[in-house]
Amino acid sequence: MISVLKICVGLLIIIAEVFIGSRAFFPDVFLTGDDEFEPILASRKSILDKLSPEEVAYIIENPVVRVGVDPGFYPLEAFNERGRHEGLAADYLRLLEKMTGLKFSPVRTKDWAETEKLAREGRIDMFSAAAGTGRRGEYMLFTAPYVNLPGVVMARRDSDMAANEAKELAGKKIAVVRDYSWQDYLRDFHPEAVIIEAPTTLDALELVASGQADAVLDYEFNLLEKIQTGEILQMRNVDRVDASYGHSMAVRKDLQPLFNIISAALAEISPRDKAALAKKWLEGERRPDAAKHWQWIFFFFVQAILLCMGVNAWYGVRARKELNAALCGMRSPSERPL
């Protein structure tokens, strides 16, 4: 009876492990119709009848658009572990595909600086999520922003930087991601600050944690996600920074018809739908990939428990056999079965 109970408990644990593991590592399989995005996508209609003949001809002649992506800018955009472009910008591109008939092909790069380099060289056609700074405006055309978020200055917990000190950065070493809009912001509005360039937000945080920079400036959602994944816990907020950039889509200046098409499509997305998409990505749960190490720990302990149960059951069966054999040996010859 006890062995049967152990087997049933073991099976229940295995079923729970498979279910939880599937949800953790293959979340797309469990998407339901409650996703805010699906009704918005279903309501989209073609805008071809609102475009000029020249713009329609451009779509026919150039059906594939090469999109420059920030590979580590979740939840605005990133590539997940299966190489799929995801995030707020990715949802917008899916809407635009249905509305225009264009096919948007994200180009994977090692960091944002490389993405900008490809745009300047004419090897990508547009950005899906970029702030319209003056420097970028020299070679890109920017649509109206579809999301506008403040940045934050973060320093180490033991730092002597006082709260609300973002306006007093003279002589401070501020880590920023190379070619991010915050680098332009510091050059334009805080030239007295010492800019420390980093290839990624995680690298910028590590510069602060190691004492090579006094603080880091970036978007709060980006910093919090990297603090979580990188387990850099010794950080605190110093101040908020409001920039007038906002995040937009941007098209190379030599592709004016494409810019007109993208702008026309974005104008058809209602403020209500934009707010729903922003809420989905900016107020939702943290990225599943960020907690993978906890899931591996969970699976390790589950396997350890199952192993202990198996060994215990095996020893129990063996002990019973030995006991039965001993009892049989103690019986008199006349009591033993013929």
C-alpha atoms as a PDB file:
ATOM      1  CA  MET A   1       0.000   0.000   0.000  1.00  0.00           C
ATOM      2  CA  ILE A   2       2.784   2.424   0.933  1.00  0.00           C
ATOM      3  CA  SER A   3       4.677   1.641  -2.303  1.00  0.00           C
ATOM      4  CA  VAL A   4       1.581   2.353  -4.408  1.00  0.00           C
ATOM      5  CA  LEU A   5       1.122   5.678  -2.589  1.00  0.00           C
ATOM      6  CA  LYS A   6       4.756   6.630  -3.257  1.00  0.00           C
ATOM      7  CA  ILE A   7       4.364   5.791  -6.933  1.00  0.00           C
ATOM      8  CA  CYS A   8       1.224   7.960  -7.175  1.00  0.00           C
ATOM      9  CA  VAL A   9       2.962  10.880  -5.433  1.00  0.00           C
ATOM     10  CA  GLY A  10       5.955  10.504  -7.733  1.00  0.00           C
ATOM     11  CA  LEU A  11       3.728  10.559 -10.821  1.00  0.00           C
ATOM     12  CA  LEU A  12       1.948  13.689  -9.592  1.00  0.00           C
ATOM     13  CA  ILE A  13       5.298  15.421  -9.032  1.00  0.00           C
ATOM     14  CA  ILE A  14       6.487  14.461 -12.525  1.00  0.00           C
ATOM     15  CA  ILE A  15       3.249  15.764 -14.090  1.00  0.00           C
ATOM     16  CA  ALA A  16       3.575  19.051 -12.173  1.00  0.00           C
ATOM     17  CA  GLU A  17       7.231  19.324 -13.197  1.00  0.00           C
ATOM     18  CA  VAL A  18       6.432  18.811 -16.888  1.00  0.00           C
ATOM     19  CA  PHE A  19       3.595  21.363 -16.768  1.00  0.00           C
ATOM     20  CA  ILE A  20       5.591  24.041 -14.944  1.00  0.00           C
ATOM     21  CA  GLY A  21       8.641  23.415 -17.111  1.00  0.00           C
ATOM     22  CA  SER A  22       6.592  23.679 -20.305  1.00  0.00           C
ATOM     23  CA  ARG A  23       5.086  26.994 -19.197  1.00  0.00           C
ATOM     24  CA  ALA A  24       8.518  28.318 -18.217  1.00  0.00           C
ATOM     25  CA  PHE A  25      10.488  27.307 -21.294  1.00  0.00           C
ATOM     26  CA  PHE A  26       7.740  27.326 -23.971  1.00  0.00           C
ATOM     27  CA  PRO A  27       5.376  30.139 -22.907  1.00  0.00           C
ATOM     28  CA  ASP A  28       4.060  30.637 -26.462  1.00  0.00           C
ATOM     29  CA  VAL A  29       2.282  27.274 -26.272  1.00  0.00           C
ATOM     30  CA  PHE A  30       0.142  28.528 -23.392  1.00  0.00           C
ATOM     31  CA  LEU A  31      -0.935  31.857 -24.882  1.00  0.00           C
ATOM     32  CA  THR A  32      -4.699  32.340 -24.620  1.00  0.00           C
ATOM     33  CA  GLY A  33      -7.254  34.526 -26.294  1.00  0.00           C
ATOM     34  CA  ASP A  34      -7.054  36.894 -23.305  1.00  0.00           C
ATOM     35  CA  ASP A  35      -3.838  38.412 -24.666  1.00  0.00           C
ATOM     36  CA  GLU A  36      -4.529  42.123 -25.228  1.00  0.00           C
ATOM     37  CA  PHE A  37      -2.756  41.990 -28.571  1.00  0.00           C
ATOM     38  CA  GLU A  38      -4.894  39.456 -30.420  1.00  0.00           C
ATOM     39  CA  PRO A  39      -8.149  41.484 -30.497  1.00  0.00           C
ATOM     40  CA  ILE A  40      -6.196  44.551 -31.612  1.00  0.00           C
ATOM     41  CA  LEU A  41      -4.545  42.579 -34.416  1.00  0.00           C
ATOM     42  CA  ALA A  42      -7.876  41.084 -35.498  1.00  0.00           C
ATOM     43  CA  SER A  43      -9.402  44.576 -35.811  1.00  0.00           C
ATOM     44  CA  ARG A  44      -6.704  45.894 -38.154  1.00  0.00           C
ATOM     45  CA  LYS A  45      -7.699  46.631 -41.736  1.00  0.00           C
ATOM     46  CA  SER A  46      -5.611  47.315 -44.815  1.00  0.00           C
ATOM     47  CA  ILE A  47      -4.694  50.964 -45.419  1.00  0.00           C
ATOM     48  CA  LEU A  48      -3.708  50.489 -49.068  1.00  0.00           C
ATOM     49  CA  ASP A  49      -6.755  52.482 -50.198  1.00  0.00           C
ATOM     50  CA  LYS A  50      -5.438  55.457 -48.194  1.00  0.00           C
ATOM     51  CA  LEU A  51      -2.004  55.438 -49.808  1.00  0.00           C
ATOM     52  CA  SER A  52      -0.907  57.185 -52.976  1.00  0.00           C
ATOM     53  CA  PRO A  53      -0.262  55.154 -56.161  1.00  0.00           C
ATOM     54  CA  GLU A  54       3.467  55.774 -55.674  1.00  0.00           C
ATOM     55  CA  GLU A  55       3.366  54.379 -52.130  1.00  0.00           C
ATOM     56  CA  VAL A  56       1.407  51.296 -53.214  1.00  0.00           C
ATOM     57  CA  ALA A  57       3.936  50.761 -56.000  1.00  0.00           C
ATOM     58  CA  TYR A  58       6.749  51.026 -53.440  1.00  0.00           C
ATOM     59  CA  ILE A  59       5.181  48.219 -51.382  1.00  0.00           C
ATOM     60  CA  ILE A  60       4.886  46.013 -54.462  1.00  0.00           C
ATOM     61  CA  GLU A  61       8.487  46.663 -55.488  1.00  0.00           C
ATOM     62  CA  ASN A  62       9.956  46.498 -51.955  1.00  0.00           C
ATOM     63  CA  PRO A  63       7.873  43.984 -49.971  1.00  0.00           C
ATOM     64  CA  VAL A  64      10.569  43.202 -47.364  1.00  0.00           C
ATOM     65  CA  VAL A  65      11.777  45.841 -44.909  1.00  0.00           C
ATOM     66  CA  ARG A  66      15.029  45.305 -42.995  1.00  0.00           C
ATOM     67  CA  VAL A  67      14.468  46.418 -39.405  1.00  0.00           C
ATOM     68  CA  GLY A  68      17.230  47.518 -37.055  1.00  0.00           C
ATOM     69  CA  VAL A  69      16.624  46.201 -33.551  1.00  0.00           C
ATOM     70  CA  ASP A  70      18.139  46.786 -30.127  1.00  0.00           C
ATOM     71  CA  PRO A  71      18.911  43.182 -29.088  1.00  0.00           C
ATOM     72  CA  GLY A  72      18.726  43.932 -25.359  1.00  0.00           C
ATOM     73  CA  PHE A  73      15.987  46.525 -24.826  1.00  0.00           C
ATOM     74  CA  TYR A  74      13.236  44.424 -23.271  1.00  0.00           C
ATOM     75  CA  PRO A  75      10.307  45.023 -22.907  1.00  0.00           C
ATOM     76  CA  LEU A  76      10.382  47.500 -25.790  1.00  0.00           C
ATOM     77  CA  GLU A  77      12.214  44.968 -27.935  1.00  0.00           C
ATOM     78  CA  ALA A  78      14.707  42.113 -27.731  1.00  0.00           C
ATOM     79  CA  PHE A  79      15.407  38.678 -29.168  1.00  0.00           C
ATOM     80  CA  ASN A  80      14.267  35.806 -26.977  1.00  0.00           C
ATOM     81  CA  GLU A  81      16.201  32.567 -26.471  1.00  0.00           C
ATOM     82  CA  ARG A  82      14.695  31.111 -29.654  1.00  0.00           C
ATOM     83  CA  GLY A  83      15.797  34.109 -31.732  1.00  0.00           C
ATOM     84  CA  ARG A  84      12.321  35.592 -32.045  1.00  0.00           C
ATOM     85  CA  HIS A  85      11.867  39.374 -32.009  1.00  0.00           C
ATOM     86  CA  GLU A  86       9.528  40.237 -29.124  1.00  0.00           C
ATOM     87  CA  GLY A  87       8.345  43.223 -27.154  1.00  0.00           C
ATOM     88  CA  LEU A  88       6.210  46.309 -27.667  1.00  0.00           C
ATOM     89  CA  ALA A  89       7.935  47.242 -30.947  1.00  0.00           C
ATOM     90  CA  ALA A  90       7.496  43.690 -32.288  1.00  0.00           C
ATOM     91  CA  ASP A  91       3.741  43.902 -31.681  1.00  0.00           C
ATOM     92  CA  TYR A  92       3.616  47.193 -33.582  1.00  0.00           C
ATOM     93  CA  LEU A  93       5.455  45.628 -36.508  1.00  0.00           C
ATOM     94  CA  ARG A  94       2.915  42.787 -36.623  1.00  0.00           C
ATOM     95  CA  LEU A  95       0.105  45.345 -36.777  1.00  0.00           C
ATOM     96  CA  LEU A  96       1.866  47.216 -39.565  1.00  0.00           C
ATOM     97  CA  GLU A  97       2.378  44.002 -41.538  1.00  0.00           C
ATOM     98  CA  LYS A  98      -1.355  43.360 -41.584  1.00  0.00           C
ATOM     99  CA  MET A  99      -2.187  46.976 -42.430  1.00  0.00           C
ATOM    100  CA  THR A 100       0.351  47.481 -45.221  1.00  0.00           C
ATOM    101  CA  GLY A 101       1.232  44.039 -46.590  1.00  0.00           C
ATOM    102  CA  LEU A 102       4.909  44.701 -45.930  1.00  0.00           C
ATOM    103  CA  LYS A 103       7.115  42.000 -44.409  1.00  0.00           C
ATOM    104  CA  PHE A 104       9.346  43.295 -41.610  1.00  0.00           C
ATOM    105  CA  SER A 105      12.568  41.328 -41.196  1.00  0.00           C
ATOM    106  CA  PRO A 106      14.462  42.107 -37.940  1.00  0.00           C
ATOM    107  CA  VAL A 107      18.243  42.174 -38.344  1.00  0.00           C
ATOM    108  CA  ARG A 108      20.115  40.749 -35.368  1.00  0.00           C
ATOM    109  CA  THR A 109      23.190  42.660 -34.162  1.00  0.00           C
ATOM    110  CA  LYS A 110      25.452  42.352 -31.122  1.00  0.00           C
ATOM    111  CA  ASP A 111      24.404  45.751 -29.679  1.00  0.00           C
ATOM    112  CA  TRP A 112      22.649  49.017 -30.499  1.00  0.00           C
ATOM    113  CA  ALA A 113      25.830  50.735 -31.717  1.00  0.00           C
ATOM    114  CA  GLU A 114      26.126  48.139 -34.481  1.00  0.00           C
ATOM    115  CA  THR A 115      22.458  48.642 -35.367  1.00  0.00           C
ATOM    116  CA  GLU A 116      23.015  52.368 -35.833  1.00  0.00           C
ATOM    117  CA  LYS A 117      26.137  51.683 -37.887  1.00  0.00           C
ATOM    118  CA  LEU A 118      24.155  49.477 -40.279  1.00  0.00           C
ATOM    119  CA  ALA A 119      21.562  52.230 -40.691  1.00  0.00           C
ATOM    120  CA  ARG A 120      24.202  54.826 -41.520  1.00  0.00           C
ATOM    121  CA  GLU A 121      25.668  52.432 -44.083  1.00  0.00           C
ATOM    122  CA  GLY A 122      22.258  51.831 -45.692  1.00  0.00           C
ATOM    123  CA  ARG A 123      22.207  48.129 -44.735  1.00  0.00           C
ATOM    124  CA  ILE A 124      18.954  48.363 -42.803  1.00  0.00           C
ATOM    125  CA  ASP A 125      15.866  50.372 -43.700  1.00  0.00           C
ATOM    126  CA  MET A 126      14.326  51.410 -40.390  1.00  0.00           C
ATOM    127  CA  PHE A 127      14.381  51.302 -36.586  1.00  0.00           C
ATOM    128  CA  SER A 128      11.415  49.832 -34.734  1.00  0.00           C
ATOM    129  CA  ALA A 129      12.095  51.567 -31.394  1.00  0.00           C
ATOM    130  CA  ALA A 130      14.388  54.596 -31.262  1.00  0.00           C
ATOM    131  CA  ALA A 131      14.417  58.052 -29.727  1.00  0.00           C
ATOM    132  CA  GLY A 132      14.545  60.895 -32.214  1.00  0.00           C
ATOM    133  CA  THR A 133      17.655  62.790 -31.184  1.00  0.00           C
ATOM    134  CA  GLY A 134      19.283  65.506 -33.271  1.00  0.00           C
ATOM    135  CA  ARG A 135      22.237  63.281 -34.139  1.00  0.00           C
ATOM    136  CA  ARG A 136      20.031  60.496 -35.453  1.00  0.00           C
ATOM    137  CA  GLY A 137      17.874  63.011 -37.277  1.00  0.00           C
ATOM    138  CA  GLU A 138      20.796  63.638 -39.631  1.00  0.00           C
ATOM    139  CA  TYR A 139      20.152  60.331 -41.397  1.00  0.00           C
ATOM    140  CA  MET A 140      16.745  59.074 -40.164  1.00  0.00           C
ATOM    141  CA  LEU A 141      13.148  60.326 -40.341  1.00  0.00           C
ATOM    142  CA  PHE A 142      11.170  59.773 -37.126  1.00  0.00           C
ATOM    143  CA  THR A 143       7.459  59.130 -36.763  1.00  0.00           C
ATOM    144  CA  ALA A 144       5.431  60.485 -33.864  1.00  0.00           C
ATOM    145  CA  PRO A 145       6.403  58.600 -30.655  1.00  0.00           C
ATOM    146  CA  TYR A 146       4.211  55.650 -29.720  1.00  0.00           C
ATOM    147  CA  VAL A 147       5.550  55.540 -26.142  1.00  0.00           C
ATOM    148  CA  ASN A 148       7.264  58.149 -23.975  1.00  0.00           C
ATOM    149  CA  LEU A 149       9.088  57.098 -20.822  1.00  0.00           C
ATOM    150  CA  PRO A 150      11.413  58.904 -18.407  1.00  0.00           C
ATOM    151  CA  GLY A 151      14.882  57.726 -17.528  1.00  0.00           C
ATOM    152  CA  VAL A 152      16.472  57.283 -14.122  1.00  0.00           C
ATOM    153  CA  VAL A 153      19.887  57.855 -12.623  1.00  0.00           C
ATOM    154  CA  MET A 154      21.046  54.949 -10.447  1.00  0.00           C
ATOM    155  CA  ALA A 155      24.073  54.816  -8.151  1.00  0.00           C
ATOM    156  CA  ARG A 156      25.506  52.331  -5.666  1.00  0.00           C
ATOM    157  CA  ARG A 157      23.764  52.129  -2.306  1.00  0.00           C
ATOM    158  CA  ASP A 158      26.926  53.362  -0.567  1.00  0.00           C
ATOM    159  CA  SER A 159      27.340  56.279  -2.990  1.00  0.00           C
ATOM    160  CA  ASP A 160      27.401  59.848  -1.667  1.00  0.00           C
ATOM    161  CA  MET A 161      25.193  61.053  -4.546  1.00  0.00           C
ATOM    162  CA  ALA A 162      22.180  62.773  -3.000  1.00  0.00           C
ATOM    163  CA  ALA A 163      18.600  62.343  -4.163  1.00  0.00           C
ATOM    164  CA  ASN A 164      17.438  64.641  -6.975  1.00  0.00           C
ATOM    165  CA  GLU A 165      21.036  65.173  -8.069  1.00  0.00           C
ATOM    166  CA  ALA A 166      20.430  64.570 -11.770  1.00  0.00           C
ATOM    167  CA  LYS A 167      20.662  68.326 -12.306  1.00  0.00           C
ATOM    168  CA  GLU A 168      24.097  68.497 -10.651  1.00  0.00           C
ATOM    169  CA  LEU A 169      26.285  66.126 -12.668  1.00  0.00           C
ATOM    170  CA  ALA A 170      29.388  68.276 -13.047  1.00  0.00           C
ATOM    171  CA  GLY A 171      32.454  66.075 -12.794  1.00  0.00           C
ATOM    172  CA  LYS A 172      30.375  62.928 -12.217  1.00  0.00           C
ATOM    173  CA  LYS A 173      31.229  59.810 -14.213  1.00  0.00           C
ATOM    174  CA  ILE A 174      27.954  58.704 -15.796  1.00  0.00           C
ATOM    175  CA  ALA A 175      27.786  55.323 -17.517  1.00  0.00           C
ATOM    176  CA  VAL A 176      25.542  55.162 -20.594  1.00  0.00           C
ATOM    177  CA  VAL A 177      25.126  52.686 -23.421  1.00  0.00           C
ATOM    178  CA  ARG A 178      27.120  53.703 -26.476  1.00  0.00           C
ATOM    179  CA  ASP A 179      24.919  55.581 -29.004  1.00  0.00           C
ATOM    180  CA  TYR A 180      21.812  55.421 -26.788  1.00  0.00           C
ATOM    181  CA  SER A 181      19.716  58.586 -26.700  1.00  0.00           C
ATOM    182  CA  TRP A 182      20.880  59.228 -23.139  1.00  0.00           C
ATOM    183  CA  GLN A 183      24.399  59.764 -24.438  1.00  0.00           C
ATOM    184  CA  ASP A 184      22.998  62.491 -26.711  1.00  0.00           C
ATOM    185  CA  TYR A 185      21.009  63.862 -23.765  1.00  0.00           C
ATOM    186  CA  LEU A 186      24.128  64.250 -21.624  1.00  0.00           C
ATOM    187  CA  ARG A 187      26.075  65.894 -24.457  1.00  0.00           C
ATOM    188  CA  ASP A 188      23.248  68.361 -25.138  1.00  0.00           C
ATOM    189  CA  PHE A 189      22.102  69.183 -21.597  1.00  0.00           C
ATOM    190  CA  HIS A 190      24.942  68.133 -19.263  1.00  0.00           C
ATOM    191  CA  PRO A 191      28.229  68.664 -21.098  1.00  0.00           C
ATOM    192  CA  GLU A 192      29.915  69.038 -17.707  1.00  0.00           C
ATOM    193  CA  ALA A 193      29.324  65.340 -16.939  1.00  0.00           C
ATOM    194  CA  VAL A 194      31.989  62.749 -17.755  1.00  0.00           C
ATOM    195  CA  ILE A 195      30.471  60.175 -20.102  1.00  0.00           C
ATOM    196  CA  ILE A 196      31.602  56.574 -19.640  1.00  0.00           C
ATOM    197  CA  GLU A 197      30.493  54.488 -22.627  1.00  0.00           C
ATOM    198  CA  ALA A 198      29.399  50.867 -22.264  1.00  0.00           C
ATOM    199  CA  PRO A 199      28.271  48.390 -24.955  1.00  0.00           C
ATOM    200  CA  THR A 200      25.132  47.309 -23.022  1.00  0.00           C
ATOM    201  CA  THR A 201      23.038  48.361 -20.046  1.00  0.00           C
ATOM    202  CA  LEU A 202      24.350  45.404 -18.053  1.00  0.00           C
ATOM    203  CA  ASP A 203      27.923  46.540 -18.746  1.00  0.00           C
ATOM    204  CA  ALA A 204      27.003  50.072 -17.644  1.00  0.00           C
ATOM    205  CA  LEU A 205      25.588  48.742 -14.379  1.00  0.00           C
ATOM    206  CA  GLU A 206      28.719  46.697 -13.770  1.00  0.00           C
ATOM    207  CA  LEU A 207      30.851  49.825 -14.264  1.00  0.00           C
ATOM    208  CA  VAL A 208      28.905  51.487 -11.447  1.00  0.00           C
ATOM    209  CA  ALA A 209      28.973  48.400  -9.228  1.00  0.00           C
ATOM    210  CA  SER A 210      32.759  48.155  -9.604  1.00  0.00           C
ATOM    211  CA  GLY A 211      33.314  51.851  -8.855  1.00  0.00           C
ATOM    212  CA  GLN A 212      34.494  52.795 -12.366  1.00  0.00           C
ATOM    213  CA  ALA A 213      31.494  55.124 -12.753  1.00  0.00           C
ATOM    214  CA  ASP A 214      29.481  57.155 -10.233  1.00  0.00           C
ATOM    215  CA  ALA A 215      26.069  56.437 -11.718  1.00  0.00           C
ATOM    216  CA  VAL A 216      24.235  55.003 -14.704  1.00  0.00           C
ATOM    217  CA  LEU A 217      21.561  56.746 -16.798  1.00  0.00           C
ATOM    218  CA  ASP A 218      18.999  54.684 -18.690  1.00  0.00           C
ATOM    219  CA  TYR A 219      15.320  53.822 -18.815  1.00  0.00           C
ATOM    220  CA  GLU A 220      14.017  52.381 -15.553  1.00  0.00           C
ATOM    221  CA  PHE A 221      12.427  49.317 -17.173  1.00  0.00           C
ATOM    222  CA  ASN A 222      15.721  48.494 -18.886  1.00  0.00           C
ATOM    223  CA  LEU A 223      17.789  48.968 -15.727  1.00  0.00           C
ATOM    224  CA  LEU A 224      15.448  46.895 -13.559  1.00  0.00           C
ATOM    225  CA  GLU A 225      15.421  44.027 -16.040  1.00  0.00           C
ATOM    226  CA  LYS A 226      19.236  43.982 -16.220  1.00  0.00           C
ATOM    227  CA  ILE A 227      19.586  44.284 -12.439  1.00  0.00           C
ATOM    228  CA  GLN A 228      17.362  41.240 -12.175  1.00  0.00           C
ATOM    229  CA  THR A 229      19.101  39.129 -14.795  1.00  0.00           C
ATOM    230  CA  GLY A 230      22.598  40.220 -13.746  1.00  0.00           C
ATOM    231  CA  GLU A 231      21.838  40.051 -10.000  1.00  0.00           C
ATOM    232  CA  ILE A 232      23.384  43.480  -9.422  1.00  0.00           C
ATOM    233  CA  LEU A 233      21.549  44.306  -6.224  1.00  0.00           C
ATOM    234  CA  GLN A 234      23.625  47.139  -4.726  1.00  0.00           C
ATOM    235  CA  MET A 235      21.872  49.894  -6.743  1.00  0.00           C
ATOM    236  CA  ARG A 236      19.466  52.671  -5.756  1.00  0.00           C
ATOM    237  CA  ASN A 237      17.510  55.345  -7.600  1.00  0.00           C
ATOM    238  CA  VAL A 238      18.955  58.844  -7.426  1.00  0.00           C
ATOM    239  CA  ASP A 239      16.636  60.824  -9.676  1.00  0.00           C
ATOM    240  CA  ARG A 240      14.225  60.700 -12.600  1.00  0.00           C
ATOM    241  CA  VAL A 241      15.146  62.327 -15.908  1.00  0.00           C
ATOM    242  CA  ASP A 242      12.443  63.516 -18.286  1.00  0.00           C
ATOM    243  CA  ALA A 243      13.582  63.672 -21.898  1.00  0.00           C
ATOM    244  CA  SER A 244      11.418  64.950 -24.731  1.00  0.00           C
ATOM    245  CA  TYR A 245      12.460  62.223 -27.161  1.00  0.00           C
ATOM    246  CA  GLY A 246       9.924  59.406 -26.827  1.00  0.00           C
ATOM    247  CA  HIS A 247      10.300  56.169 -28.779  1.00  0.00           C
ATOM    248  CA  SER A 248       9.292  56.101 -32.406  1.00  0.00           C
ATOM    249  CA  MET A 249       9.805  54.190 -35.578  1.00  0.00           C
ATOM    250  CA  ALA A 250      12.380  55.716 -37.871  1.00  0.00           C
ATOM    251  CA  VAL A 251      13.133  55.296 -41.586  1.00  0.00           C
ATOM    252  CA  ARG A 252      16.239  56.215 -43.554  1.00  0.00           C
ATOM    253  CA  LYS A 253      15.986  59.643 -45.159  1.00  0.00           C
ATOM    254  CA  ASP A 254      16.439  58.202 -48.650  1.00  0.00           C
ATOM    255  CA  LEU A 255      13.307  56.047 -48.208  1.00  0.00           C
ATOM    256  CA  GLN A 256      10.639  58.749 -48.029  1.00  0.00           C
ATOM    257  CA  PRO A 257       7.814  56.557 -49.455  1.00  0.00           C
ATOM    258  CA  LEU A 258       8.426  53.949 -46.742  1.00  0.00           C
ATOM    259  CA  PHE A 259       8.338  56.659 -44.078  1.00  0.00           C
ATOM    260  CA  ASN A 260       4.986  57.904 -45.418  1.00  0.00           C
ATOM    261  CA  ILE A 261       3.569  54.358 -45.343  1.00  0.00           C
ATOM    262  CA  ILE A 262       4.750  53.684 -41.769  1.00  0.00           C
ATOM    263  CA  SER A 263       3.449  57.048 -40.550  1.00  0.00           C
ATOM    264  CA  ALA A 264       0.050  56.502 -42.181  1.00  0.00           C
ATOM    265  CA  ALA A 265      -0.294  53.052 -40.606  1.00  0.00           C
ATOM    266  CA  LEU A 266       0.690  54.256 -37.114  1.00  0.00           C
ATOM    267  CA  ALA A 267      -1.840  57.093 -37.370  1.00  0.00           C
ATOM    268  CA  GLU A 268      -4.608  54.484 -37.761  1.00  0.00           C
ATOM    269  CA  ILE A 269      -3.828  52.892 -34.375  1.00  0.00           C
ATOM    270  CA  SER A 270      -6.063  54.494 -31.765  1.00  0.00           C
ATOM    271  CA  PRO A 271      -4.745  55.960 -28.485  1.00  0.00           C
ATOM    272  CA  ARG A 272      -6.783  53.312 -26.668  1.00  0.00           C
ATOM    273  CA  ASP A 273      -5.009  50.483 -28.507  1.00  0.00           C
ATOM    274  CA  LYS A 274      -1.625  52.118 -27.948  1.00  0.00           C
ATOM    275  CA  ALA A 275      -2.350  52.351 -24.225  1.00  0.00           C
ATOM    276  CA  ALA A 276      -3.393  48.670 -24.127  1.00  0.00           C
ATOM    277  CA  LEU A 277      -0.183  47.572 -25.843  1.00  0.00           C
ATOM    278  CA  ALA A 278       1.957  49.698 -23.542  1.00  0.00           C
ATOM    279  CA  LYS A 279       0.180  48.263 -20.498  1.00  0.00           C
ATOM    280  CA  LYS A 280       0.721  44.708 -21.738  1.00  0.00           C
ATOM    281  CA  TRP A 281       4.494  45.109 -22.001  1.00  0.00           C
ATOM    282  CA  LEU A 282       5.355  47.791 -19.448  1.00  0.00           C
ATOM    283  CA  GLU A 283       3.068  46.722 -16.605  1.00  0.00           C
ATOM    284  CA  GLY A 284       3.077  42.964 -17.142  1.00  0.00           C
ATOM    285  CA  GLU A 285       5.099  40.242 -15.472  1.00  0.00           C
ATOM    286  CA  ARG A 286       8.853  40.152 -15.762  1.00  0.00           C
ATOM    287  CA  ARG A 287      10.438  38.441 -18.695  1.00  0.00           C
ATOM    288  CA  PRO A 288      10.334  34.629 -18.314  1.00  0.00           C
ATOM    289  CA  ASP A 289      13.985  34.289 -19.339  1.00  0.00           C
ATOM    290  CA  ALA A 290      15.043  36.380 -16.327  1.00  0.00           C
ATOM    291  CA  ALA A 291      14.017  33.664 -13.866  1.00  0.00           C
ATOM    292  CA  LYS A 292      15.414  30.640 -15.675  1.00  0.00           C
ATOM    293  CA  HIS A 293      18.037  29.960 -12.993  1.00  0.00           C
ATOM    294  CA  TRP A 294      15.268  29.605 -10.385  1.00  0.00           C
ATOM    295  CA  GLN A 295      13.471  27.156 -12.643  1.00  0.00           C
ATOM    296  CA  TRP A 296      16.614  25.073 -13.004  1.00  0.00           C
ATOM    297  CA  ILE A 297      16.962  25.052  -9.200  1.00  0.00           C
ATOM    298  CA  PHE A 298      13.343  23.937  -8.899  1.00  0.00           C
ATOM    299  CA  PHE A 299      13.885  21.088 -11.358  1.00  0.00           C
ATOM    300  CA  PHE A 300      17.075  20.046  -9.546  1.00  0.00           C
ATOM    301  CA  PHE A 301      15.268  19.736  -6.210  1.00  0.00           C
ATOM    302  CA  VAL A 302      12.322  17.916  -7.778  1.00  0.00           C
ATOM    303  CA  GLN A 303      14.682  15.388  -9.351  1.00  0.00           C
ATOM    304  CA  ALA A 304      16.496  15.021  -6.017  1.00  0.00           C
ATOM    305  CA  ILE A 305      13.190  14.347  -4.247  1.00  0.00           C
ATOM    306  CA  LEU A 306      12.174  11.770  -6.858  1.00  0.00           C
ATOM    307  CA  LEU A 307      15.568  10.091  -6.581  1.00  0.00           C
ATOM    308  CA  CYS A 308      15.271   9.897  -2.783  1.00  0.00           C
ATOM    309  CA  MET A 309      11.772   8.468  -3.081  1.00  0.00           C
ATOM    310  CA  GLY A 310      12.980   5.885  -5.589  1.00  0.00           C
ATOM    311  CA  VAL A 311      15.927   4.839  -3.429  1.00  0.00           C
ATOM    312  CA  ASN A 312      13.680   4.679  -0.367  1.00  0.00           C
ATOM    313  CA  ALA A 313      11.143   2.520  -2.192  1.00  0.00           C
ATOM    314  CA  TRP A 314      13.896   0.214  -3.474  1.00  0.00           C
ATOM    315  CA  TYR A 315      15.333  -0.239   0.022  1.00  0.00           C
ATOM    316  CA  GLY A 316      11.834  -0.847   1.374  1.00  0.00           C
ATOM    317  CA  VAL A 317      11.173  -3.625  -1.132  1.00  0.00           C
ATOM    318  CA  ARG A 318      14.602  -5.123  -0.468  1.00  0.00           C
ATOM    319  CA  ALA A 319      14.091  -5.011   3.311  1.00  0.00           C
ATOM    320  CA  ARG A 320      10.735  -6.743   3.018  1.00  0.00           C
ATOM    321  CA  LYS A 321      12.243  -9.502   0.889  1.00  0.00           C
ATOM    322  CA  GLU A 322      15.027 -10.027   3.410  1.00  0.00           C
ATOM    323  CA  LEU A 323      12.510 -10.073   6.261  1.00  0.00           C
ATOM    324  CA  ASN A 324      10.340 -12.627   4.489  1.00  0.00           C
ATOM    325  CA  ALA A 325      13.386 -14.782   3.767  1.00  0.00           C
ATOM    326  CA  ALA A 326      14.427 -14.605   7.423  1.00  0.00           C
ATOM    327  CA  LEU A 327      10.940 -15.545   8.578  1.00  0.00           C
ATOM    328  CA  CYS A 328      10.854 -18.486   6.188  1.00  0.00           C
ATOM    329  CA  GLY A 329      14.215 -19.647   7.565  1.00  0.00           C
ATOM    330  CA  MET A 330      12.894 -19.546  11.116  1.00  0.00           C
ATOM    331  CA  ARG A 331       9.918 -21.841  10.395  1.00  0.00           C
ATOM    332  CA  SER A 332      10.177 -25.535  11.179  1.00  0.00           C
ATOM    333  CA  PRO A 333      10.429 -27.920   8.230  1.00  0.00           C
ATOM    334  CA  SER A 334       6.859 -29.122   8.848  1.00  0.00           C
ATOM    335  CA  GLU A 335       5.562 -25.517   8.653  1.00  0.00           C
ATOM    336  CA  ARG A 336       7.248 -24.760   5.348  1.00  0.00           C
ATOM    337  CA  PRO A 337       5.060 -24.999   2.247  1.00  0.00           C
ATOM    338  CA  LEU A 338       5.530 -28.185   0.198  1.00  0.00           C
END
